C-alpha atoms as a PDB file:
ATOM      1  CA  MET A   1     -45.032   5.159 -38.215  1.00  0.00           C
ATOM      2  CA  THR A   2     -47.375   4.825 -41.174  1.00  0.00           C
ATOM      3  CA  THR A   3     -47.170   1.463 -42.891  1.00  0.00           C
ATOM      4  CA  PRO A   4     -47.080   0.918 -46.687  1.00  0.00           C
ATOM      5  CA  GLN A   5     -50.609  -0.467 -46.356  1.00  0.00           C
ATOM      6  CA  ASP A   6     -51.744   2.794 -44.738  1.00  0.00           C
ATOM      7  CA  ALA A   7     -50.103   4.814 -47.509  1.00  0.00           C
ATOM      8  CA  THR A   8     -51.821   2.724 -50.187  1.00  0.00           C
ATOM      9  CA  ALA A   9     -55.167   3.141 -48.499  1.00  0.00           C
ATOM     10  CA  LEU A  10     -54.671   6.868 -48.203  1.00  0.00           C
ATOM     11  CA  GLU A  11     -53.919   7.126 -51.890  1.00  0.00           C
ATOM     12  CA  LYS A  12     -57.392   5.703 -52.407  1.00  0.00           C
ATOM     13  CA  VAL A  13     -58.781   8.424 -50.150  1.00  0.00           C
ATOM     14  CA  ALA A  14     -56.952  11.199 -51.985  1.00  0.00           C
ATOM     15  CA  GLY A  15     -57.541   9.798 -55.455  1.00  0.00           C
ATOM     16  CA  SER A  16     -61.134   8.603 -55.190  1.00  0.00           C
ATOM     17  CA  LEU A  17     -63.897  10.714 -56.698  1.00  0.00           C
ATOM     18  CA  THR A  18     -66.804   9.279 -54.681  1.00  0.00           C
ATOM     19  CA  ALA A  19     -67.427   9.340 -50.958  1.00  0.00           C
ATOM     20  CA  GLN A  20     -68.913   5.837 -51.141  1.00  0.00           C
ATOM     21  CA  THR A  21     -65.625   4.392 -52.383  1.00  0.00           C
ATOM     22  CA  ILE A  22     -63.714   5.644 -49.327  1.00  0.00           C
ATOM     23  CA  ALA A  23     -66.209   4.596 -46.657  1.00  0.00           C
ATOM     24  CA  THR A  24     -64.468   1.340 -45.742  1.00  0.00           C
ATOM     25  CA  THR A  25     -61.055   3.050 -45.842  1.00  0.00           C
ATOM     26  CA  ILE A  26     -62.251   5.692 -43.366  1.00  0.00           C
ATOM     27  CA  THR A  27     -63.512   3.017 -41.003  1.00  0.00           C
ATOM     28  CA  ALA A  28     -60.133   1.290 -41.102  1.00  0.00           C
ATOM     29  CA  LEU A  29     -58.022   4.415 -40.640  1.00  0.00           C
ATOM     30  CA  ALA A  30     -59.984   6.924 -38.610  1.00  0.00           C
ATOM     31  CA  SER A  31     -58.947   5.550 -35.228  1.00  0.00           C
ATOM     32  CA  GLY A  32     -55.263   5.994 -36.092  1.00  0.00           C
ATOM     33  CA  PRO A  33     -52.243   3.679 -36.399  1.00  0.00           C
ATOM     34  CA  LEU A  34     -51.745   3.273 -32.626  1.00  0.00           C
ATOM     35  CA  THR A  35     -55.086   1.567 -32.106  1.00  0.00           C
ATOM     36  CA  ALA A  36     -54.215  -0.851 -34.891  1.00  0.00           C
ATOM     37  CA  MET A  37     -51.072  -1.853 -32.975  1.00  0.00           C
ATOM     38  CA  LEU A  38     -52.699  -1.681 -29.511  1.00  0.00           C
ATOM     39  CA  PRO A  39     -56.389  -2.606 -29.932  1.00  0.00           C
ATOM     40  CA  ILE A  40     -57.033  -2.011 -26.218  1.00  0.00           C
ATOM     41  CA  LEU A  41     -56.832   1.730 -26.946  1.00  0.00           C
ATOM     42  CA  THR A  42     -60.093   1.476 -28.884  1.00  0.00           C
ATOM     43  CA  ASN A  43     -61.850   1.220 -25.502  1.00  0.00           C
ATOM     44  CA  ALA A  44     -60.740   4.734 -24.584  1.00  0.00           C
ATOM     45  CA  LEU A  45     -63.280   7.498 -25.073  1.00  0.00           C
ATOM     46  CA  ALA A  46     -60.460   9.594 -26.540  1.00  0.00           C
ATOM     47  CA  SER A  47     -60.062   6.976 -29.272  1.00  0.00           C
ATOM     48  CA  GLN A  48     -63.722   7.296 -30.223  1.00  0.00           C
ATOM     49  CA  ARG A  49     -63.478  11.079 -30.313  1.00  0.00           C
ATOM     50  CA  GLN A  50     -60.385  10.797 -32.504  1.00  0.00           C
ATOM     51  CA  LYS A  51     -62.169   8.422 -34.861  1.00  0.00           C
ATOM     52  CA  GLN A  52     -65.076  10.840 -35.230  1.00  0.00           C
ATOM     53  CA  ARG A  53     -62.778  13.836 -35.859  1.00  0.00           C
ATOM     54  CA  VAL A  54     -60.666  12.068 -38.476  1.00  0.00           C
ATOM     55  CA  GLU A  55     -63.701  10.483 -40.109  1.00  0.00           C
ATOM     56  CA  ALA A  56     -65.306  13.918 -40.535  1.00  0.00           C
ATOM     57  CA  TYR A  57     -62.024  15.341 -41.850  1.00  0.00           C
ATOM     58  CA  LEU A  58     -61.574  12.591 -44.447  1.00  0.00           C
ATOM     59  CA  LEU A  59     -65.140  12.882 -45.657  1.00  0.00           C
ATOM     60  CA  GLU A  60     -64.892  16.670 -45.953  1.00  0.00           C
ATOM     61  CA  VAL A  61     -61.607  16.475 -47.844  1.00  0.00           C
ATOM     62  CA  SER A  62     -62.997  13.776 -50.120  1.00  0.00           C
ATOM     63  CA  HIS A  63     -66.003  15.926 -51.019  1.00  0.00           C
ATOM     64  CA  ILE A  64     -63.735  18.898 -51.782  1.00  0.00           C
ATOM     65  CA  LEU A  65     -61.414  16.807 -53.957  1.00  0.00           C
ATOM     66  CA  GLU A  66     -64.464  15.316 -55.648  1.00  0.00           C
ATOM     67  CA  SER A  67     -65.406  18.798 -56.854  1.00  0.00           C
ATOM     68  CA  HIS A  68     -61.971  19.320 -58.453  1.00  0.00           C
ATOM     69  CA  GLU A  69     -61.829  16.274 -60.730  1.00  0.00           C
ATOM     70  CA  GLN A  70     -59.960  17.945 -63.599  1.00  0.00           C
ATOM     71  CA  THR A  71     -57.464  19.605 -61.252  1.00  0.00           C
ATOM     72  CA  LEU A  72     -56.712  16.228 -59.650  1.00  0.00           C
ATOM     73  CA  ARG A  73     -55.897  14.727 -63.045  1.00  0.00           C
ATOM     74  CA  ASP A  74     -53.341  17.472 -63.694  1.00  0.00           C
ATOM     75  CA  LEU A  75     -51.584  17.487 -60.295  1.00  0.00           C
ATOM     76  CA  SER A  76     -47.804  17.647 -60.274  1.00  0.00           C
ATOM     77  CA  ASP A  77     -45.897  15.128 -58.168  1.00  0.00           C
ATOM     78  CA  ALA A  78     -45.120  17.921 -55.682  1.00  0.00           C
ATOM     79  CA  GLN A  79     -48.801  18.843 -55.303  1.00  0.00           C
ATOM     80  CA  TYR A  80     -49.716  15.178 -54.909  1.00  0.00           C
ATOM     81  CA  LYS A  81     -47.137  14.826 -52.136  1.00  0.00           C
ATOM     82  CA  LEU A  82     -48.527  17.834 -50.264  1.00  0.00           C
ATOM     83  CA  ILE A  83     -52.052  16.454 -50.408  1.00  0.00           C
ATOM     84  CA  ASN A  84     -51.051  12.941 -49.352  1.00  0.00           C
ATOM     85  CA  GLU A  85     -48.899  14.198 -46.484  1.00  0.00           C
ATOM     86  CA  ALA A  86     -51.681  16.431 -45.166  1.00  0.00           C
ATOM     87  CA  ILE A  87     -54.035  13.436 -45.179  1.00  0.00           C
ATOM     88  CA  LEU A  88     -51.461  11.214 -43.487  1.00  0.00           C
ATOM     89  CA  ALA A  89     -50.873  13.866 -40.821  1.00  0.00           C
ATOM     90  CA  SER A  90     -54.560  13.812 -39.914  1.00  0.00           C
ATOM     91  CA  LEU A  91     -54.184  10.290 -38.510  1.00  0.00           C
ATOM     92  CA  GLN A  92     -51.794  11.631 -35.863  1.00  0.00           C
ATOM     93  CA  THR A  93     -53.843  14.755 -35.059  1.00  0.00           C
ATOM     94  CA  THR A  94     -56.191  14.939 -32.074  1.00  0.00           C
ATOM     95  CA  GLN A  95     -56.960  18.677 -32.272  1.00  0.00           C
ATOM     96  CA  ALA A  96     -59.890  19.877 -34.364  1.00  0.00           C
ATOM     97  CA  GLU A  97     -58.157  23.189 -35.089  1.00  0.00           C
ATOM     98  CA  LYS A  98     -55.103  21.392 -36.492  1.00  0.00           C
ATOM     99  CA  LEU A  99     -57.351  19.242 -38.671  1.00  0.00           C
ATOM    100  CA  ALA A 100     -58.809  22.460 -40.063  1.00  0.00           C
ATOM    101  CA  LEU A 101     -55.293  23.632 -40.976  1.00  0.00           C
ATOM    102  CA  LEU A 102     -54.598  20.293 -42.668  1.00  0.00           C
ATOM    103  CA  ARG A 103     -57.834  20.605 -44.631  1.00  0.00           C
ATOM    104  CA  ASN A 104     -56.768  24.066 -45.755  1.00  0.00           C
ATOM    105  CA  ALA A 105     -53.412  22.655 -46.857  1.00  0.00           C
ATOM    106  CA  VAL A 106     -55.095  19.988 -48.970  1.00  0.00           C
ATOM    107  CA  CYS A 107     -57.408  22.511 -50.609  1.00  0.00           C
ATOM    108  CA  HIS A 108     -54.779  25.131 -51.382  1.00  0.00           C
ATOM    109  CA  SER A 109     -52.365  22.483 -52.702  1.00  0.00           C
ATOM    110  CA  LEU A 110     -54.748  22.045 -55.624  1.00  0.00           C
ATOM    111  CA  ASN A 111     -53.833  25.540 -56.864  1.00  0.00           C
ATOM    112  CA  MET A 112     -50.148  25.538 -55.922  1.00  0.00           C
ATOM    113  CA  SER A 113     -48.801  24.525 -59.332  1.00  0.00           C
ATOM    114  CA  ASP A 114     -45.566  26.480 -58.801  1.00  0.00           C
ATOM    115  CA  VAL A 115     -44.354  24.377 -55.842  1.00  0.00           C
ATOM    116  CA  ASP A 116     -41.251  22.292 -56.603  1.00  0.00           C
ATOM    117  CA  PRO A 117     -40.349  18.879 -55.096  1.00  0.00           C
ATOM    118  CA  GLN A 118     -37.941  20.257 -52.475  1.00  0.00           C
ATOM    119  CA  GLU A 119     -40.448  22.872 -51.361  1.00  0.00           C
ATOM    120  CA  ALA A 120     -43.122  20.173 -51.159  1.00  0.00           C
ATOM    121  CA  THR A 121     -40.859  18.107 -48.897  1.00  0.00           C
ATOM    122  CA  LEU A 122     -40.175  21.070 -46.587  1.00  0.00           C
ATOM    123  CA  LEU A 123     -43.807  22.211 -46.513  1.00  0.00           C
ATOM    124  CA  SER A 124     -45.040  18.671 -45.828  1.00  0.00           C
ATOM    125  CA  ARG A 125     -42.683  18.384 -42.865  1.00  0.00           C
ATOM    126  CA  ILE A 126     -43.783  21.747 -41.486  1.00  0.00           C
ATOM    127  CA  ILE A 127     -47.539  21.253 -41.828  1.00  0.00           C
ATOM    128  CA  ARG A 128     -47.222  17.813 -40.229  1.00  0.00           C
ATOM    129  CA  ASP A 129     -45.434  19.108 -37.117  1.00  0.00           C
ATOM    130  CA  ILE A 130     -46.469  22.739 -36.680  1.00  0.00           C
ATOM    131  CA  SER A 131     -48.887  23.427 -33.829  1.00  0.00           C
ATOM    132  CA  VAL A 132     -51.934  25.631 -34.163  1.00  0.00           C
ATOM    133  CA  GLU A 133     -50.348  28.203 -31.849  1.00  0.00           C
ATOM    134  CA  GLU A 134     -47.158  28.242 -33.905  1.00  0.00           C
ATOM    135  CA  ALA A 135     -49.134  28.637 -37.115  1.00  0.00           C
ATOM    136  CA  MET A 136     -51.068  31.563 -35.635  1.00  0.00           C
ATOM    137  CA  PHE A 137     -47.830  33.197 -34.510  1.00  0.00           C
ATOM    138  CA  VAL A 138     -46.453  32.982 -38.064  1.00  0.00           C
ATOM    139  CA  VAL A 139     -49.581  34.371 -39.705  1.00  0.00           C
ATOM    140  CA  GLN A 140     -49.926  37.207 -37.188  1.00  0.00           C
ATOM    141  CA  ASN A 141     -46.260  38.272 -37.227  1.00  0.00           C
ATOM    142  CA  PHE A 142     -45.048  37.572 -40.765  1.00  0.00           C
ATOM    143  CA  SER A 143     -45.217  41.285 -41.532  1.00  0.00           C
ATOM    144  CA  TYR A 144     -42.263  41.895 -39.181  1.00  0.00           C
ATOM    145  CA  ASP A 145     -38.768  41.882 -40.630  1.00  0.00           C
ATOM    146  CA  GLY A 146     -37.595  39.659 -37.809  1.00  0.00           C
ATOM    147  CA  VAL A 147     -38.083  38.378 -34.262  1.00  0.00           C
ATOM    148  CA  LEU A 148     -35.800  39.185 -31.332  1.00  0.00           C
ATOM    149  CA  ILE A 149     -35.737  37.484 -27.945  1.00  0.00           C
ATOM    150  CA  ALA A 150     -35.586  40.563 -25.677  1.00  0.00           C
ATOM    151  CA  GLU A 151     -36.876  41.735 -22.301  1.00  0.00           C
ATOM    152  CA  GLY A 152     -38.465  44.934 -23.540  1.00  0.00           C
ATOM    153  CA  PRO A 153     -38.683  47.536 -26.309  1.00  0.00           C
ATOM    154  CA  MET A 154     -35.618  47.796 -28.508  1.00  0.00           C
ATOM    155  CA  GLY A 155     -34.309  50.169 -31.161  1.00  0.00           C
ATOM    156  CA  GLU A 156     -34.717  47.924 -34.198  1.00  0.00           C
ATOM    157  CA  LYS A 157     -37.478  49.034 -36.554  1.00  0.00           C
ATOM    158  CA  ASN A 158     -40.159  46.496 -37.486  1.00  0.00           C
ATOM    159  CA  VAL A 159     -38.611  43.724 -35.354  1.00  0.00           C
ATOM    160  CA  LEU A 160     -40.881  41.893 -32.913  1.00  0.00           C
ATOM    161  CA  PRO A 161     -39.473  41.686 -29.354  1.00  0.00           C
ATOM    162  CA  VAL A 162     -40.365  38.453 -27.533  1.00  0.00           C
ATOM    163  CA  PRO A 163     -39.725  38.179 -23.755  1.00  0.00           C
ATOM    164  CA  PRO A 164     -37.348  35.254 -23.035  1.00  0.00           C
ATOM    165  CA  LYS A 165     -39.644  33.513 -20.523  1.00  0.00           C
ATOM    166  CA  SER A 166     -42.917  34.067 -22.346  1.00  0.00           C
ATOM    167  CA  ARG A 167     -45.198  31.600 -24.126  1.00  0.00           C
ATOM    168  CA  ASP A 168     -44.204  33.229 -27.411  1.00  0.00           C
ATOM    169  CA  ALA A 169     -40.550  32.390 -26.691  1.00  0.00           C
ATOM    170  CA  LEU A 170     -41.522  28.702 -26.666  1.00  0.00           C
ATOM    171  CA  LEU A 171     -43.296  29.180 -29.994  1.00  0.00           C
ATOM    172  CA  VAL A 172     -40.182  30.845 -31.425  1.00  0.00           C
ATOM    173  CA  SER A 173     -38.084  27.882 -30.299  1.00  0.00           C
ATOM    174  CA  GLY A 174     -40.472  25.453 -31.991  1.00  0.00           C
ATOM    175  CA  LEU A 175     -40.497  27.467 -35.214  1.00  0.00           C
ATOM    176  CA  LEU A 176     -36.699  27.444 -35.235  1.00  0.00           C
ATOM    177  CA  SER A 177     -36.674  23.656 -35.027  1.00  0.00           C
ATOM    178  CA  LEU A 178     -39.087  23.509 -37.968  1.00  0.00           C
ATOM    179  CA  GLY A 179     -36.959  25.862 -40.081  1.00  0.00           C
ATOM    180  CA  VAL A 180     -39.724  28.472 -40.213  1.00  0.00           C
ATOM    181  CA  LEU A 181     -37.451  30.911 -38.383  1.00  0.00           C
ATOM    182  CA  THR A 182     -33.743  30.978 -39.243  1.00  0.00           C
ATOM    183  CA  SER A 183     -30.391  32.533 -38.298  1.00  0.00           C
ATOM    184  CA  GLY A 184     -29.068  31.140 -35.068  1.00  0.00           C
ATOM    185  CA  GLN A 185     -30.605  30.193 -31.762  1.00  0.00           C
ATOM    186  CA  PRO A 186     -33.225  32.136 -29.756  1.00  0.00           C
ATOM    187  CA  THR A 187     -30.715  34.001 -27.589  1.00  0.00           C
ATOM    188  CA  ILE A 188     -30.772  37.620 -26.458  1.00  0.00           C
ATOM    189  CA  GLY A 189     -29.483  39.906 -29.191  1.00  0.00           C
ATOM    190  CA  GLN A 190     -30.010  37.503 -32.104  1.00  0.00           C
ATOM    191  CA  ILE A 191     -32.541  38.656 -34.707  1.00  0.00           C
ATOM    192  CA  LEU A 192     -34.364  35.723 -36.273  1.00  0.00           C
ATOM    193  CA  ARG A 193     -35.840  35.909 -39.766  1.00  0.00           C
ATOM    194  CA  PHE A 194     -38.740  34.106 -41.381  1.00  0.00           C
ATOM    195  CA  SER A 195     -37.417  31.627 -43.941  1.00  0.00           C
ATOM    196  CA  GLY A 196     -38.149  31.894 -47.648  1.00  0.00           C
ATOM    197  CA  ILE A 197     -40.696  29.057 -47.523  1.00  0.00           C
ATOM    198  CA  VAL A 198     -43.026  30.909 -45.133  1.00  0.00           C
ATOM    199  CA  GLY A 199     -44.922  32.748 -47.862  1.00  0.00           C
ATOM    200  CA  LYS A 200     -46.090  29.449 -49.369  1.00  0.00           C
ATOM    201  CA  LEU A 201     -46.720  28.006 -45.910  1.00  0.00           C
ATOM    202  CA  ILE A 202     -49.147  30.835 -45.157  1.00  0.00           C
ATOM    203  CA  VAL A 203     -50.882  30.260 -48.486  1.00  0.00           C
ATOM    204  CA  LEU A 204     -51.387  26.607 -47.511  1.00  0.00           C
ATOM    205  CA  LEU A 205     -52.684  27.281 -44.002  1.00  0.00           C
ATOM    206  CA  ARG A 206     -54.969  30.247 -44.645  1.00  0.00           C
ATOM    207  CA  GLY A 207     -58.747  29.816 -44.446  1.00  0.00           C
ATOM    208  CA  TYR A 208     -60.590  27.977 -47.187  1.00  0.00           C
ATOM    209  CA  ASP A 209     -64.239  28.262 -48.174  1.00  0.00           C
ATOM    210  CA  ALA A 210     -65.396  25.092 -49.885  1.00  0.00           C
END
């Protein structure tokens, strides 16, 4: 769990306009909250790799935010929440591909002036917990009207059939728990729909060229 001290430090990361100002904050946070509670973990090579990944992520995000000074001044509370939550999530992320998604979320939040507080809460929860595979499944299959757990081809038009024992079935189950897919449980015969928040989720996670 992130402490109030971590949250305060991260506000400095998100709000600062110079990379030099955040250098000491990055050093303190890049290894993650667990190593702060269990210092012995710092001896693990995985801890050093995590520190390097998060350090690079925080520096990259800082440079991008630095180039949007006026936009930062005009952020809504909802946009500010999205940015802060994406930065906080990086401390718990060990996968470079997920860090890239979190970077995209920070960058696109700068232009998402139409997001409201409830949407920001839902989107923050999703981007924190969604896996890279789940995110790819959403982006690749959002054009379908629904998803159906089924053994083979079925008569429904523009509905994606997913075999019950497949890897995609596990992804569907995870997306249900996140609220990305809705309408019942992943059982045979039940068509699942993408929720109304998915359009904005895809906007947040899509590629970003700095």
